[in-house]
N, C-alpha and C. Protein backbone atom coordinates (compact mmCIF):
# COMPACT_ATOMS: atom_id res chain seq x y z
N MET A 1 8.23 -15.92 18.32
CA MET A 1 8.88 -14.38 18.03
C MET A 1 7.61 -13.83 17.06
N THR A 2 7.89 -12.48 17.59
CA THR A 2 6.78 -11.94 17.20
C THR A 2 7.30 -10.77 15.73
N PRO A 3 6.30 -10.81 14.54
CA PRO A 3 6.97 -10.25 13.56
C PRO A 3 7.33 -8.96 13.87
N LYS A 4 8.20 -8.52 12.88
CA LYS A 4 8.25 -7.05 13.12
C LYS A 4 8.06 -6.29 12.00
N LEU A 5 7.44 -5.26 11.88
CA LEU A 5 7.45 -4.39 10.38
C LEU A 5 7.92 -3.07 10.86
N TYR A 6 9.14 -2.93 10.12
CA TYR A 6 9.34 -1.59 9.45
C TYR A 6 8.53 -0.59 8.43
N GLY A 7 8.36 0.40 8.50
CA GLY A 7 7.78 1.32 7.74
C GLY A 7 7.80 2.58 8.04
N TYR A 8 6.81 3.09 7.30
CA TYR A 8 6.48 4.70 7.69
C TYR A 8 5.14 4.67 7.44
N TRP A 9 4.68 6.00 8.12
CA TRP A 9 3.34 6.05 8.23
C TRP A 9 2.58 6.50 7.05
N ARG A 10 3.17 7.10 5.92
CA ARG A 10 2.96 7.91 4.79
C ARG A 10 2.96 6.70 3.91
N SER A 11 3.67 6.18 4.28
CA SER A 11 4.29 4.88 3.05
C SER A 11 3.27 4.23 2.40
N SER A 12 2.77 4.59 1.21
CA SER A 12 2.15 3.38 0.40
C SER A 12 2.32 2.22 0.41
N ALA A 13 3.53 1.62 0.32
CA ALA A 13 3.66 0.20 0.63
C ALA A 13 3.41 -0.47 1.84
N SER A 14 3.87 0.43 2.71
CA SER A 14 3.66 0.01 4.33
C SER A 14 2.24 0.19 4.67
N TYR A 15 1.37 0.67 4.31
CA TYR A 15 -0.10 1.02 4.48
C TYR A 15 -0.35 -0.77 3.72
N ARG A 16 -0.17 -0.81 2.53
CA ARG A 16 -0.66 -2.09 2.45
C ARG A 16 -0.83 -3.37 2.97
N VAL A 17 0.95 -3.53 3.97
CA VAL A 17 1.46 -4.14 4.63
C VAL A 17 0.78 -4.16 6.08
N ARG A 18 0.33 -2.97 6.34
CA ARG A 18 -0.41 -2.91 7.84
C ARG A 18 -1.82 -3.51 7.39
N LEU A 19 -2.28 -3.06 6.53
CA LEU A 19 -3.91 -3.61 5.97
C LEU A 19 -3.82 -5.05 6.22
N ALA A 20 -3.08 -5.48 5.43
CA ALA A 20 -2.74 -7.30 5.01
C ALA A 20 -2.70 -7.97 6.58
N LEU A 21 -1.96 -7.44 7.70
CA LEU A 21 -1.71 -7.67 8.71
C LEU A 21 -3.08 -7.70 9.84
N ALA A 22 -3.28 -6.55 9.34
CA ALA A 22 -4.44 -6.32 10.24
C ALA A 22 -6.29 -6.88 10.15
N LEU A 23 -5.82 -7.09 8.43
CA LEU A 23 -6.86 -7.84 8.19
C LEU A 23 -7.37 -9.60 8.61
N LYS A 24 -5.82 -10.12 8.91
CA LYS A 24 -5.35 -11.12 8.82
C LYS A 24 -5.47 -11.81 10.27
N GLY A 25 -5.50 -10.53 11.70
CA GLY A 25 -5.20 -10.72 12.50
C GLY A 25 -4.25 -11.03 13.28
N ILE A 26 -3.14 -10.83 12.50
CA ILE A 26 -1.55 -10.74 12.84
C ILE A 26 -1.02 -9.77 13.86
N ALA A 27 -1.04 -9.92 14.91
CA ALA A 27 0.30 -8.89 15.90
C ALA A 27 1.44 -9.11 15.74
N TYR A 28 1.84 -7.48 15.66
CA TYR A 28 3.52 -7.61 15.32
C TYR A 28 4.25 -6.55 15.93
N GLU A 29 4.89 -6.15 15.55
CA GLU A 29 6.01 -4.69 16.27
C GLU A 29 6.10 -4.22 15.18
N TYR A 30 5.81 -2.75 15.45
CA TYR A 30 6.18 -1.49 14.57
C TYR A 30 7.39 -0.71 14.61
N VAL A 31 8.06 -0.56 13.58
CA VAL A 31 9.36 -0.29 13.74
C VAL A 31 9.42 1.01 12.93
N PRO A 32 9.14 2.01 13.37
CA PRO A 32 8.99 3.22 12.49
C PRO A 32 10.11 3.87 11.43
N VAL A 33 10.84 4.02 10.33
CA VAL A 33 11.56 4.43 9.69
C VAL A 33 11.56 5.54 8.78
N HIS A 34 11.54 6.77 9.80
CA HIS A 34 11.53 7.71 8.95
C HIS A 34 12.12 8.28 7.56
N LEU A 35 11.51 8.52 6.51
CA LEU A 35 11.74 8.38 5.13
C LEU A 35 12.19 10.07 4.96
N LEU A 36 12.42 11.01 5.81
CA LEU A 36 12.84 12.12 5.78
C LEU A 36 13.79 12.74 6.56
N ARG A 37 13.74 12.58 7.92
CA ARG A 37 14.85 12.77 8.97
C ARG A 37 15.86 12.47 8.78
N ASP A 38 16.65 13.44 8.76
CA ASP A 38 18.67 13.04 8.57
C ASP A 38 18.84 12.31 7.59
N GLY A 39 17.99 12.91 6.18
CA GLY A 39 18.20 12.69 4.98
C GLY A 39 17.21 11.07 4.84
N GLY A 40 17.11 10.62 5.36
CA GLY A 40 16.27 9.52 5.18
C GLY A 40 16.69 8.45 6.16
N GLU A 41 16.18 7.76 6.92
CA GLU A 41 16.93 6.57 7.85
C GLU A 41 16.76 5.61 7.31
N GLN A 42 16.04 5.40 5.90
CA GLN A 42 15.89 4.14 5.65
C GLN A 42 17.59 3.80 4.32
N LYS A 43 18.20 4.83 4.43
CA LYS A 43 19.86 5.31 4.06
C LYS A 43 20.55 4.73 5.05
N SER A 44 19.94 4.46 6.10
CA SER A 44 21.48 4.26 7.45
C SER A 44 21.71 2.88 7.11
N VAL A 45 22.77 2.79 7.36
CA VAL A 45 23.82 1.22 7.23
C VAL A 45 22.89 -0.08 7.82
N ALA A 46 22.46 0.20 9.10
CA ALA A 46 21.68 -0.99 9.95
C ALA A 46 20.80 -0.97 9.02
N TYR A 47 19.39 -0.05 8.68
CA TYR A 47 18.63 -0.40 7.53
C TYR A 47 19.14 -1.27 6.16
N GLN A 48 19.94 -0.75 5.78
CA GLN A 48 20.03 -1.32 4.16
C GLN A 48 20.60 -2.71 4.90
N ALA A 49 21.00 -3.12 5.89
CA ALA A 49 21.45 -4.21 6.07
C ALA A 49 20.14 -5.32 6.11
N LEU A 50 18.89 -4.75 6.19
CA LEU A 50 17.51 -5.47 5.82
C LEU A 50 17.13 -5.30 4.90
N ASN A 51 17.20 -3.83 4.25
CA ASN A 51 16.60 -3.71 2.98
C ASN A 51 17.71 -3.20 2.00
N PRO A 52 18.76 -4.01 0.78
CA PRO A 52 19.50 -2.95 0.51
C PRO A 52 18.86 -1.82 -0.62
N ALA A 53 17.61 -2.22 -0.73
CA ALA A 53 17.16 -1.10 -1.64
C ALA A 53 16.89 0.26 -1.00
N GLN A 54 17.03 0.00 0.02
CA GLN A 54 16.50 1.25 1.06
C GLN A 54 15.03 1.59 0.63
N LEU A 55 14.27 0.98 0.43
CA LEU A 55 13.06 1.31 0.78
C LEU A 55 11.80 0.53 2.12
N VAL A 56 10.83 0.99 1.91
CA VAL A 56 10.23 0.31 3.04
C VAL A 56 8.57 0.02 2.46
N PRO A 57 8.43 -1.23 2.85
CA PRO A 57 8.61 -2.10 4.23
C PRO A 57 9.34 -3.07 4.00
N THR A 58 9.75 -3.66 5.66
CA THR A 58 10.13 -4.77 5.40
C THR A 58 9.86 -5.57 6.69
N LEU A 59 9.73 -6.72 6.40
CA LEU A 59 8.89 -7.63 7.51
C LEU A 59 9.31 -8.90 7.77
N GLU A 60 10.03 -9.22 9.02
CA GLU A 60 10.70 -9.95 9.44
C GLU A 60 9.96 -10.88 10.21
N ILE A 61 9.70 -12.00 9.84
CA ILE A 61 8.53 -12.81 10.63
C ILE A 61 9.50 -14.06 10.42
N PHE A 62 8.90 -15.27 11.77
CA PHE A 62 10.20 -16.16 12.04
C PHE A 62 8.79 -17.23 10.83
N ASP A 63 8.88 -18.46 10.19
CA ASP A 63 8.42 -19.21 9.63
C ASP A 63 8.44 -20.21 10.06
N ALA A 64 7.32 -20.54 10.50
CA ALA A 64 7.29 -22.09 11.60
C ALA A 64 7.49 -23.34 10.30
N GLU A 65 6.70 -23.06 9.30
CA GLU A 65 6.80 -24.58 8.89
C GLU A 65 8.04 -24.52 8.16
N ALA A 66 9.29 -23.45 7.96
CA ALA A 66 10.64 -23.96 7.25
C ALA A 66 11.22 -23.37 8.55
N GLU A 67 10.88 -23.18 9.82
CA GLU A 67 12.01 -23.35 10.57
C GLU A 67 12.53 -22.31 10.76
N LEU A 68 12.94 -21.03 9.70
CA LEU A 68 13.50 -19.93 9.74
C LEU A 68 13.05 -18.38 9.95
N PRO A 69 13.98 -17.75 10.16
CA PRO A 69 13.63 -16.40 9.83
C PRO A 69 13.49 -15.67 8.85
N LEU A 70 12.73 -14.89 8.58
CA LEU A 70 12.63 -14.28 7.23
C LEU A 70 12.45 -12.68 6.82
N LYS A 71 13.68 -12.21 6.53
CA LYS A 71 13.39 -10.59 6.14
C LYS A 71 12.66 -10.61 4.82
N LEU A 72 11.71 -10.15 4.58
CA LEU A 72 10.87 -9.96 2.95
C LEU A 72 10.63 -8.38 2.91
N ASN A 73 10.76 -8.37 1.96
CA ASN A 73 10.78 -6.76 1.42
C ASN A 73 9.59 -6.99 -0.09
N GLN A 74 9.10 -5.67 -0.30
CA GLN A 74 8.39 -5.80 -1.43
C GLN A 74 6.83 -5.62 -0.81
N SER A 75 6.27 -5.07 -0.98
CA SER A 75 5.01 -5.41 -0.23
C SER A 75 3.96 -6.37 -1.14
N LEU A 76 3.52 -6.20 -2.35
CA LEU A 76 2.90 -7.44 -2.64
C LEU A 76 3.95 -8.74 -2.36
N ALA A 77 4.64 -8.51 -2.64
CA ALA A 77 5.20 -10.32 -1.75
C ALA A 77 5.03 -10.46 -0.79
N ILE A 78 5.32 -9.73 0.26
CA ILE A 78 4.78 -9.97 1.29
C ILE A 78 3.46 -10.41 1.57
N ILE A 79 2.56 -9.60 1.14
CA ILE A 79 1.22 -9.87 1.13
C ILE A 79 0.78 -11.22 0.54
N GLU A 80 1.49 -11.69 -0.36
CA GLU A 80 1.02 -13.24 -0.97
C GLU A 80 1.69 -13.79 -0.01
N TYR A 81 2.46 -13.85 0.66
CA TYR A 81 3.73 -15.11 1.73
C TYR A 81 2.42 -14.76 2.83
N LEU A 82 1.66 -13.89 3.20
CA LEU A 82 1.09 -13.62 4.38
C LEU A 82 -0.45 -14.92 3.95
N ASP A 83 -0.24 -14.35 2.77
CA ASP A 83 -2.35 -15.00 2.34
C ASP A 83 -1.88 -16.63 2.31
N ALA A 84 -0.41 -17.21 1.69
CA ALA A 84 -0.67 -18.29 1.54
C ALA A 84 -0.04 -19.12 3.15
N ARG A 85 0.45 -18.45 4.09
CA ARG A 85 0.79 -18.99 5.57
C ARG A 85 -0.27 -18.85 6.64
N PHE A 86 -1.17 -17.87 6.06
CA PHE A 86 -2.13 -17.65 6.94
C PHE A 86 -3.18 -17.40 6.06
N PRO A 87 -4.01 -18.19 5.84
CA PRO A 87 -5.27 -18.09 4.70
C PRO A 87 -6.69 -17.47 5.03
N GLU A 88 -6.36 -17.21 6.45
CA GLU A 88 -8.02 -16.84 6.51
C GLU A 88 -7.79 -14.97 7.15
N PRO A 89 -8.60 -14.44 6.45
CA PRO A 89 -9.32 -14.59 5.33
C PRO A 89 -8.52 -14.21 4.11
N LYS A 90 -9.34 -14.91 3.66
CA LYS A 90 -8.07 -14.86 1.86
C LYS A 90 -8.25 -13.86 0.93
N LEU A 91 -7.24 -13.23 0.67
CA LEU A 91 -6.70 -12.15 0.16
C LEU A 91 -6.93 -11.97 -1.50
N ILE A 92 -6.29 -13.12 -2.00
CA ILE A 92 -6.45 -12.98 -3.26
C ILE A 92 -7.35 -14.29 -3.50
N PRO A 93 -8.48 -14.77 -4.26
CA PRO A 93 -8.99 -16.18 -4.56
C PRO A 93 -8.46 -16.78 -4.82
N SER A 94 -9.41 -18.12 -4.75
CA SER A 94 -8.47 -19.51 -4.99
C SER A 94 -8.96 -19.93 -6.33
N ASP A 95 -9.92 -19.55 -6.89
CA ASP A 95 -10.41 -19.28 -8.49
C ASP A 95 -9.28 -18.50 -9.23
N PRO A 96 -8.83 -19.39 -10.32
CA PRO A 96 -7.77 -18.42 -10.93
C PRO A 96 -8.44 -17.48 -11.93
N VAL A 97 -9.50 -17.35 -12.40
CA VAL A 97 -10.13 -16.48 -13.19
C VAL A 97 -10.15 -14.94 -12.18
N GLN A 98 -10.68 -15.23 -10.80
CA GLN A 98 -11.20 -14.15 -9.97
C GLN A 98 -9.91 -13.50 -9.04
N ALA A 99 -8.42 -14.56 -9.16
CA ALA A 99 -7.41 -14.35 -8.89
C ALA A 99 -6.20 -13.39 -9.60
N ALA A 100 -6.90 -13.44 -10.60
CA ALA A 100 -6.49 -12.39 -12.06
C ALA A 100 -6.97 -11.14 -12.07
N VAL A 101 -8.22 -11.51 -11.77
CA VAL A 101 -8.65 -9.91 -11.94
C VAL A 101 -8.63 -9.07 -10.91
N VAL A 102 -8.30 -9.87 -9.41
CA VAL A 102 -7.67 -9.16 -8.17
C VAL A 102 -6.21 -8.66 -8.29
N ARG A 103 -5.55 -9.27 -8.87
CA ARG A 103 -4.43 -9.40 -9.39
C ARG A 103 -4.03 -7.73 -10.47
N MET A 104 -5.20 -7.86 -10.95
CA MET A 104 -4.96 -6.87 -12.36
C MET A 104 -5.59 -5.53 -11.17
N LEU A 105 -6.00 -5.24 -10.78
CA LEU A 105 -6.72 -4.12 -10.38
C LEU A 105 -5.44 -3.74 -9.42
N ALA A 106 -4.98 -4.45 -8.21
CA ALA A 106 -3.91 -4.61 -7.46
C ALA A 106 -3.29 -3.93 -8.05
N LEU A 107 -2.60 -4.23 -9.44
CA LEU A 107 -1.51 -4.00 -9.69
C LEU A 107 -1.58 -2.66 -10.63
N ASP A 108 -2.79 -2.28 -10.75
CA ASP A 108 -3.05 -1.29 -11.22
C ASP A 108 -2.84 0.18 -10.61
N MET A 109 -2.85 0.05 -9.14
CA MET A 109 -2.17 0.72 -7.99
C MET A 109 -0.88 0.65 -7.48
N ALA A 110 -0.65 -0.36 -7.56
CA ALA A 110 0.79 -0.34 -6.84
C ALA A 110 1.72 -0.70 -8.15
N ALA A 111 1.59 -0.97 -9.00
CA ALA A 111 2.59 -1.03 -10.22
C ALA A 111 2.86 0.20 -11.35
N ASP A 112 1.12 0.58 -11.84
CA ASP A 112 0.83 1.92 -12.33
C ASP A 112 1.10 2.99 -11.92
N LEU A 113 0.52 3.12 -10.78
CA LEU A 113 0.08 4.88 -10.24
C LEU A 113 1.39 5.09 -9.07
N GLN A 114 1.33 3.67 -8.12
CA GLN A 114 2.02 4.27 -6.78
C GLN A 114 3.84 4.68 -7.36
N PRO A 115 4.67 3.85 -8.10
CA PRO A 115 5.80 4.15 -8.31
C PRO A 115 5.55 5.47 -8.88
N VAL A 116 5.07 6.25 -9.99
CA VAL A 116 5.31 7.77 -10.26
C VAL A 116 4.80 8.69 -9.61
N THR A 117 4.06 8.24 -8.19
CA THR A 117 4.08 9.40 -6.95
C THR A 117 4.25 8.87 -5.60
N ASN A 118 5.54 8.12 -5.64
CA ASN A 118 6.37 7.54 -4.70
C ASN A 118 7.26 8.90 -4.28
N LEU A 119 7.67 8.80 -3.43
CA LEU A 119 8.49 10.16 -2.74
C LEU A 119 9.54 10.16 -3.12
N ARG A 120 10.57 8.74 -3.45
CA ARG A 120 11.98 9.46 -4.09
C ARG A 120 11.93 9.81 -5.96
N ILE A 121 10.57 9.34 -6.06
CA ILE A 121 10.44 9.96 -7.56
C ILE A 121 10.07 11.38 -7.57
N LEU A 122 9.62 11.89 -6.50
CA LEU A 122 8.75 13.34 -6.26
C LEU A 122 10.12 14.00 -6.02
N GLN A 123 11.09 13.45 -5.25
CA GLN A 123 12.48 14.15 -4.89
C GLN A 123 13.38 14.38 -5.90
N ALA A 124 13.38 13.43 -7.01
CA ALA A 124 14.00 13.24 -8.41
C ALA A 124 13.57 14.05 -8.68
N LEU A 125 12.65 14.37 -9.00
CA LEU A 125 11.88 15.43 -9.84
C LEU A 125 12.32 16.59 -9.81
N THR A 126 12.35 17.48 -8.19
CA THR A 126 12.42 18.27 -7.87
C THR A 126 13.85 19.08 -7.84
N GLU A 127 14.28 17.73 -7.44
CA GLU A 127 15.95 17.91 -6.65
C GLU A 127 16.78 17.79 -8.20
N THR A 128 16.84 16.48 -8.99
CA THR A 128 17.44 16.51 -9.83
C THR A 128 17.04 17.36 -10.85
N PHE A 129 15.95 17.19 -11.25
CA PHE A 129 15.31 17.50 -12.89
C PHE A 129 14.74 18.83 -12.66
N GLY A 130 14.96 19.62 -11.71
CA GLY A 130 14.82 20.90 -11.56
C GLY A 130 13.14 21.07 -11.77
N LEU A 131 12.47 20.22 -11.26
CA LEU A 131 10.79 20.58 -11.58
C LEU A 131 10.09 21.67 -10.44
N PRO A 132 9.81 22.66 -10.47
CA PRO A 132 9.02 23.62 -9.65
C PRO A 132 8.41 22.55 -8.48
N GLU A 133 8.62 22.83 -7.11
CA GLU A 133 7.78 22.14 -6.02
C GLU A 133 6.45 22.51 -6.48
N SER A 134 5.95 23.82 -7.11
CA SER A 134 4.68 23.72 -7.05
C SER A 134 4.08 22.93 -8.06
N ALA A 135 4.51 22.42 -9.16
CA ALA A 135 4.18 21.56 -10.03
C ALA A 135 4.10 20.17 -9.50
N LYS A 136 4.83 19.66 -8.32
CA LYS A 136 4.23 18.09 -8.04
C LYS A 136 3.25 17.97 -7.86
N GLY A 137 2.00 18.75 -7.40
CA GLY A 137 0.92 17.94 -7.14
C GLY A 137 0.18 18.31 -8.59
N GLU A 138 0.62 19.13 -9.29
CA GLU A 138 0.36 18.70 -10.86
C GLU A 138 0.63 17.05 -11.43
N TRP A 139 1.65 16.77 -10.95
CA TRP A 139 2.04 15.58 -11.89
C TRP A 139 1.51 14.75 -10.89
N ILE A 140 1.10 14.56 -9.94
CA ILE A 140 0.24 13.44 -8.82
C ILE A 140 -1.15 13.33 -9.57
N GLN A 141 -1.71 14.95 -9.56
CA GLN A 141 -2.92 14.73 -10.08
C GLN A 141 -2.86 14.26 -11.59
N LEU A 142 -1.96 14.51 -12.57
CA LEU A 142 -2.42 13.87 -13.97
C LEU A 142 -2.29 12.41 -13.99
N TRP A 143 -1.28 11.69 -13.01
CA TRP A 143 -1.21 10.68 -13.03
C TRP A 143 -2.49 9.71 -12.17
N VAL A 144 -3.25 10.29 -10.90
CA VAL A 144 -4.48 9.92 -10.24
C VAL A 144 -5.49 9.67 -11.37
N ALA A 145 -5.57 11.20 -11.92
CA ALA A 145 -6.80 10.98 -12.98
C ALA A 145 -7.12 10.25 -14.16
N ARG A 146 -5.38 9.85 -14.65
CA ARG A 146 -5.92 8.75 -15.72
C ARG A 146 -5.60 7.30 -14.78
N THR A 147 -5.22 7.17 -13.90
CA THR A 147 -5.23 5.77 -13.53
C THR A 147 -6.39 5.63 -12.73
N PHE A 148 -7.41 6.49 -12.22
CA PHE A 148 -8.32 5.99 -11.71
C PHE A 148 -9.61 6.40 -12.64
N ALA A 149 -9.44 7.14 -13.74
CA ALA A 149 -10.66 6.83 -15.02
C ALA A 149 -10.70 5.68 -15.37
N ALA A 150 -9.49 5.04 -15.70
CA ALA A 150 -9.58 3.44 -15.95
C ALA A 150 -10.05 2.68 -14.95
N PHE A 151 -9.50 2.69 -13.86
CA PHE A 151 -10.12 2.03 -12.67
C PHE A 151 -11.69 1.95 -12.38
N GLU A 152 -12.32 3.08 -12.41
CA GLU A 152 -13.41 3.38 -12.31
C GLU A 152 -14.39 2.21 -13.14
N LYS A 153 -13.79 2.44 -14.72
CA LYS A 153 -14.38 1.62 -15.29
C LYS A 153 -13.94 0.10 -15.72
N ARG A 154 -12.83 -0.27 -14.78
CA ARG A 154 -12.86 -1.87 -14.31
C ARG A 154 -13.79 -2.00 -13.64
N LEU A 155 -14.13 -0.97 -12.10
CA LEU A 155 -14.99 -1.56 -11.27
C LEU A 155 -16.48 -1.54 -11.57
N LEU A 156 -16.59 -0.94 -12.60
CA LEU A 156 -17.98 -1.60 -12.91
C LEU A 156 -18.79 -2.54 -13.51
N ASP A 157 -17.59 -3.53 -13.84
CA ASP A 157 -17.69 -4.93 -13.92
C ASP A 157 -17.18 -5.82 -12.98
N THR A 158 -16.48 -5.23 -12.02
CA THR A 158 -16.26 -6.03 -10.90
C THR A 158 -16.83 -6.12 -9.49
N ALA A 159 -17.00 -4.50 -9.20
CA ALA A 159 -16.96 -4.18 -7.97
C ALA A 159 -18.41 -4.81 -7.49
N GLY A 160 -18.66 -5.48 -6.12
CA GLY A 160 -19.90 -5.42 -5.39
C GLY A 160 -19.69 -4.43 -3.90
N THR A 161 -19.71 -4.84 -2.95
CA THR A 161 -19.30 -4.35 -1.84
C THR A 161 -17.60 -4.04 -1.81
N TYR A 162 -17.21 -4.31 -2.33
CA TYR A 162 -15.74 -4.23 -2.61
C TYR A 162 -15.41 -4.49 -4.00
N CYS A 163 -13.75 -3.90 -3.99
CA CYS A 163 -13.74 -4.36 -5.29
C CYS A 163 -13.88 -4.96 -6.34
N VAL A 164 -13.89 -6.46 -5.87
CA VAL A 164 -14.04 -7.41 -6.35
C VAL A 164 -15.29 -8.36 -5.68
N GLY A 165 -16.45 -7.84 -5.62
CA GLY A 165 -17.67 -8.49 -5.19
C GLY A 165 -17.28 -7.99 -4.24
N ASP A 166 -17.83 -9.15 -2.95
CA ASP A 166 -18.60 -8.50 -1.64
C ASP A 166 -17.68 -9.04 -0.21
N SER A 167 -16.02 -9.62 -0.74
CA SER A 167 -15.11 -9.67 -0.30
C SER A 167 -14.08 -9.00 -0.46
N VAL A 168 -13.33 -8.71 1.03
CA VAL A 168 -12.24 -7.92 1.01
C VAL A 168 -10.62 -9.00 0.03
N THR A 169 -10.47 -7.89 -0.44
CA THR A 169 -9.29 -8.66 -1.78
C THR A 169 -8.36 -7.56 -1.24
N LEU A 170 -7.14 -8.34 -2.10
CA LEU A 170 -5.92 -7.23 -2.37
C LEU A 170 -5.72 -6.09 -3.08
N ALA A 171 -6.83 -6.30 -4.29
CA ALA A 171 -7.42 -5.27 -4.79
C ALA A 171 -7.87 -4.23 -3.61
N ASP A 172 -8.42 -4.15 -2.88
CA ASP A 172 -8.66 -3.27 -2.01
C ASP A 172 -7.41 -2.60 -1.19
N ILE A 173 -7.06 -3.54 -0.68
CA ILE A 173 -5.69 -2.88 -0.03
C ILE A 173 -5.03 -2.36 -0.74
N CYS A 174 -4.62 -2.33 -2.05
CA CYS A 174 -4.09 -1.54 -3.30
C CYS A 174 -4.48 -0.22 -3.19
N LEU A 175 -6.03 -0.22 -3.45
CA LEU A 175 -6.81 1.11 -3.63
C LEU A 175 -6.18 1.97 -2.61
N MET A 176 -6.42 1.60 -1.27
CA MET A 176 -6.89 2.47 -0.39
C MET A 176 -5.79 3.23 -0.13
N PRO A 177 -4.46 3.07 0.04
CA PRO A 177 -3.27 3.95 0.12
C PRO A 177 -3.55 5.35 -1.36
N GLN A 178 -4.02 4.64 -2.19
CA GLN A 178 -3.25 5.58 -3.41
C GLN A 178 -4.73 7.06 -3.45
N VAL A 179 -5.82 5.94 -2.89
CA VAL A 179 -6.70 6.88 -2.24
C VAL A 179 -6.59 8.34 -1.36
N TYR A 180 -5.88 7.41 -0.19
CA TYR A 180 -5.15 8.37 0.72
C TYR A 180 -4.50 9.37 0.15
N ASN A 181 -3.34 8.60 -0.78
CA ASN A 181 -2.45 9.92 -1.58
C ASN A 181 -3.10 11.17 -2.18
N ALA A 182 -4.41 10.34 -2.98
CA ALA A 182 -4.88 11.71 -3.73
C ALA A 182 -5.75 12.47 -3.12
N GLN A 183 -6.37 12.51 -2.11
CA GLN A 183 -6.92 13.07 -1.34
C GLN A 183 -5.99 14.05 -0.63
N ARG A 184 -4.77 13.29 -0.34
CA ARG A 184 -4.02 14.40 0.61
C ARG A 184 -3.30 15.48 -0.26
N PHE A 185 -3.11 15.32 -1.96
CA PHE A 185 -2.61 15.97 -2.64
C PHE A 185 -4.30 17.28 -3.46
N LYS A 186 -5.13 16.68 -2.69
CA LYS A 186 -6.51 17.52 -3.43
C LYS A 186 -6.86 17.22 -4.58
N VAL A 187 -6.47 15.87 -5.41
CA VAL A 187 -7.06 15.51 -6.64
C VAL A 187 -8.62 15.30 -6.26
N ASP A 188 -9.41 16.11 -7.11
CA ASP A 188 -11.00 15.97 -7.47
C ASP A 188 -11.46 14.47 -7.86
N LEU A 189 -12.12 13.63 -6.59
CA LEU A 189 -12.34 12.48 -7.26
C LEU A 189 -13.83 12.10 -7.34
N THR A 190 -14.76 13.21 -7.81
CA THR A 190 -16.04 12.98 -7.64
C THR A 190 -16.60 12.23 -9.20
N PRO A 191 -15.31 12.16 -10.11
CA PRO A 191 -15.49 11.85 -11.43
C PRO A 191 -15.64 10.31 -11.23
N TYR A 192 -15.18 9.46 -9.85
CA TYR A 192 -15.50 8.46 -9.72
C TYR A 192 -16.39 7.31 -8.55
N PRO A 193 -17.70 7.73 -8.87
CA PRO A 193 -18.75 7.38 -7.67
C PRO A 193 -18.28 5.92 -7.44
N THR A 194 -18.15 4.86 -8.42
CA THR A 194 -18.07 3.34 -7.65
C THR A 194 -16.67 3.26 -6.95
N LEU A 195 -15.56 3.55 -7.06
CA LEU A 195 -14.53 3.69 -6.40
C LEU A 195 -14.72 4.21 -5.32
N LEU A 196 -15.56 5.68 -5.01
CA LEU A 196 -15.54 6.54 -4.03
C LEU A 196 -16.50 5.48 -2.90
N ARG A 197 -17.50 4.69 -3.31
CA ARG A 197 -18.70 3.65 -2.59
C ARG A 197 -17.61 2.24 -2.07
N VAL A 198 -16.87 1.96 -3.07
CA VAL A 198 -15.76 1.09 -2.37
C VAL A 198 -15.01 1.73 -1.08
N VAL A 199 -14.95 2.61 -1.19
CA VAL A 199 -13.57 3.05 -0.21
C VAL A 199 -14.88 3.66 1.34
N GLU A 200 -15.47 4.11 0.93
CA GLU A 200 -16.57 4.45 1.64
C GLU A 200 -17.02 3.11 2.77
N ASN A 201 -17.03 2.36 1.99
CA ASN A 201 -17.25 0.34 2.52
C ASN A 201 -16.06 0.09 3.08
N LEU A 202 -15.42 0.38 2.71
CA LEU A 202 -13.62 -0.01 3.35
C LEU A 202 -13.57 0.78 4.73
N GLN A 203 -13.73 2.06 4.58
CA GLN A 203 -13.48 2.67 5.62
C GLN A 203 -14.34 2.10 6.58
N ALA A 204 -15.31 1.53 6.55
CA ALA A 204 -16.39 1.58 7.68
C ALA A 204 -15.62 0.29 8.84
N LEU A 205 -14.23 -0.12 8.16
CA LEU A 205 -14.03 -1.74 8.52
C LEU A 205 -12.99 -1.40 9.53
N PRO A 206 -13.36 -2.07 10.75
CA PRO A 206 -12.48 -1.37 11.75
C PRO A 206 -10.73 -1.68 11.45
N GLU A 207 -10.58 -2.95 10.77
CA GLU A 207 -9.64 -3.17 10.46
C GLU A 207 -8.40 -1.97 9.44
N PHE A 208 -9.48 -1.54 8.39
CA PHE A 208 -8.76 -0.43 7.64
C PHE A 208 -8.57 1.04 8.77
N HIS A 209 -9.32 0.97 9.71
CA HIS A 209 -9.53 2.44 10.28
C HIS A 209 -7.98 2.33 11.34
N ALA A 210 -7.73 1.39 12.10
CA ALA A 210 -6.29 0.73 12.64
C ALA A 210 -5.20 0.77 11.73
N ALA A 211 -5.27 0.51 10.54
CA ALA A 211 -3.70 0.86 9.69
C ALA A 211 -4.10 1.64 8.90
N ALA A 212 -4.68 3.03 9.12
CA ALA A 212 -4.51 4.34 8.39
C ALA A 212 -3.58 4.77 8.98
N PRO A 213 -3.00 5.44 7.94
CA PRO A 213 -1.70 6.59 8.69
C PRO A 213 -1.75 7.09 9.65
N GLU A 214 -2.75 7.85 9.92
CA GLU A 214 -2.82 8.72 11.28
C GLU A 214 -2.84 7.70 12.19
N GLN A 215 -3.23 6.65 12.50
CA GLN A 215 -3.19 6.01 13.51
C GLN A 215 -1.81 5.16 14.06
N GLN A 216 -0.77 5.09 13.26
CA GLN A 216 0.35 5.13 13.40
C GLN A 216 1.16 5.80 14.85
N SER A 217 2.05 5.06 15.19
CA SER A 217 2.89 5.84 16.21
C SER A 217 3.65 6.85 15.50
N ASP A 218 4.01 6.91 14.07
CA ASP A 218 5.24 7.93 13.73
C ASP A 218 4.22 8.88 13.26
N ALA A 219 3.02 9.10 13.60
CA ALA A 219 2.27 9.82 12.24
C ALA A 219 2.74 11.35 12.63
N ASN A 220 2.50 12.30 11.51
CA ASN A 220 3.01 13.43 11.67
C ASN A 220 3.96 13.98 12.20
N THR A 221 4.88 13.43 12.07
CA THR A 221 6.45 13.16 12.77
C THR A 221 7.26 13.74 11.71
């Protein structure tokens, strides 16, 4: 059974899972779920059967050891599962100290920054709370600047070629989608030279190119 990934090309969480699958060389079927068309395809009855939270991604995968099919949501849970079942290359170090550092950096991006710049949050700000559409970019720039400033300081202690040393980890997987979003909303990244150096190294990897939003079948739709 070929794994099936339900996602959206611009979704940060979908991007994270695509990166993990690419790095581990796991072939999968990609099923686009358009978050804007017809009010959002994630709200359909069919998709809610896969993910009641009406969010992407969802990964359908057959677990050979458990001998059962799985429907997994939440990108970090999916990646932790993939790292346990397909341990090469290791995305979360075995050493507990290094693992804690990787998770700390990953959560800076996936737990602190991504939620406040998420599509449904931005929609609520304008549609429910009346924030002018023009202020949306300012909102994103505020939170990116605060989070990236702290992240840059962390990288001074942890970075080698990548976020933590010279191996790609979960921290890098969580960083790249937030940099993509920051660039999309024209955030000035020059105050973060270490972050930019890491990103440049990551962008040179074929797996990061293949997982990029513009490379997906539903890009620009």
